[in-house]
């Protein structure tokens, strides 16, 4: 939704301003992608900190062997 909103805002700006002040869609897209890279980097760093100090998961329980059904019949 954000790229669509940016493109709509860019179109509205270009329609309301003189031709010297027009935005180029490529620069809006590059700015959006740079923002996304920064957000993903911050999320990775936060997740890395959480997982480094988390308690290790307990081992999976071992179930005993069940008797064979055919041997009871």
Protein backbone atom coordinates (compact mmCIF):
# COMPACT_ATOMS: atom_id res chain seq x y z
CA UNK A 1 0.00 0.00 0.00
CA UNK A 2 2.86 2.40 0.71
CA UNK A 3 4.25 2.40 -2.85
CA UNK A 4 0.74 2.99 -4.22
CA UNK A 5 0.20 5.86 -1.78
CA UNK A 6 3.56 7.35 -2.72
CA UNK A 7 2.77 7.11 -6.43
CA UNK A 8 -0.66 8.71 -5.87
CA UNK A 9 0.89 11.50 -3.83
CA UNK A 10 3.56 12.04 -6.47
CA UNK A 11 0.92 12.24 -9.19
CA UNK A 12 -1.15 14.71 -7.16
CA UNK A 13 1.94 16.83 -6.49
CA UNK A 14 2.91 16.84 -10.16
CA UNK A 15 -0.61 17.89 -11.16
CA UNK A 16 -0.69 20.78 -8.69
CA UNK A 17 2.82 22.22 -9.21
CA UNK A 18 4.49 23.93 -12.17
CA UNK A 19 6.57 21.65 -14.44
CA UNK A 20 9.86 22.71 -12.81
CA UNK A 21 8.91 21.05 -9.50
CA UNK A 22 7.81 17.61 -10.76
CA UNK A 23 8.82 14.50 -8.87
CA UNK A 24 10.28 11.58 -10.75
CA UNK A 25 8.76 8.20 -9.88
CA UNK A 26 12.16 6.51 -9.94
CA UNK A 27 13.44 8.65 -7.09
CA UNK A 28 10.32 8.03 -5.03
CA UNK A 29 10.74 4.27 -5.56
CA UNK A 30 14.43 4.39 -4.63
CA UNK A 31 13.63 6.34 -1.48
CA UNK A 32 10.99 3.78 -0.53
CA UNK A 33 13.37 0.87 -1.12
CA UNK A 34 16.12 2.55 0.92
CA UNK A 35 13.63 2.97 3.76
CA UNK A 36 12.68 -0.72 3.52
CA UNK A 37 16.32 -1.81 3.66
CA UNK A 38 16.83 0.26 6.82
CA UNK A 39 13.71 -1.18 8.46
CA UNK A 40 14.73 -4.75 7.62
CA UNK A 41 18.23 -4.12 8.99
CA UNK A 42 16.86 -2.76 12.28
CA UNK A 43 14.47 -5.71 12.56
CA UNK A 44 17.30 -8.17 11.95
CA UNK A 45 19.44 -6.54 14.63
CA UNK A 46 16.58 -6.60 17.15
CA UNK A 47 15.75 -10.24 16.39
CA UNK A 48 19.41 -11.19 16.64
CA UNK A 49 19.64 -9.66 20.14
CA UNK A 50 16.51 -11.49 21.27
CA UNK A 51 17.69 -14.86 19.99
CA UNK A 52 21.22 -14.52 21.39
CA UNK A 53 19.97 -14.17 24.95
CA UNK A 54 16.96 -16.49 24.77
CA UNK A 55 16.94 -19.72 26.75
CA UNK A 56 17.60 -22.79 24.66
CA UNK A 57 14.53 -24.81 23.79
CA UNK A 58 14.06 -27.96 25.87
CA UNK A 59 14.70 -31.26 24.21
CA UNK A 60 11.77 -33.00 22.63
CA UNK A 61 10.18 -35.65 24.83
CA UNK A 62 10.89 -39.24 23.93
CA UNK A 63 7.77 -41.39 23.75
CA UNK A 64 7.99 -45.03 24.85
CA UNK A 65 7.54 -47.70 22.22
CA UNK A 66 3.92 -48.75 21.93
CA UNK A 67 2.99 -52.42 21.71
CA UNK A 68 2.08 -53.73 18.32
CA UNK A 69 -1.67 -53.98 17.75
CA UNK A 70 -1.43 -57.27 15.88
CA UNK A 71 0.19 -59.00 18.85
CA UNK A 72 -2.83 -58.31 21.08
CA UNK A 73 -5.36 -59.91 18.75
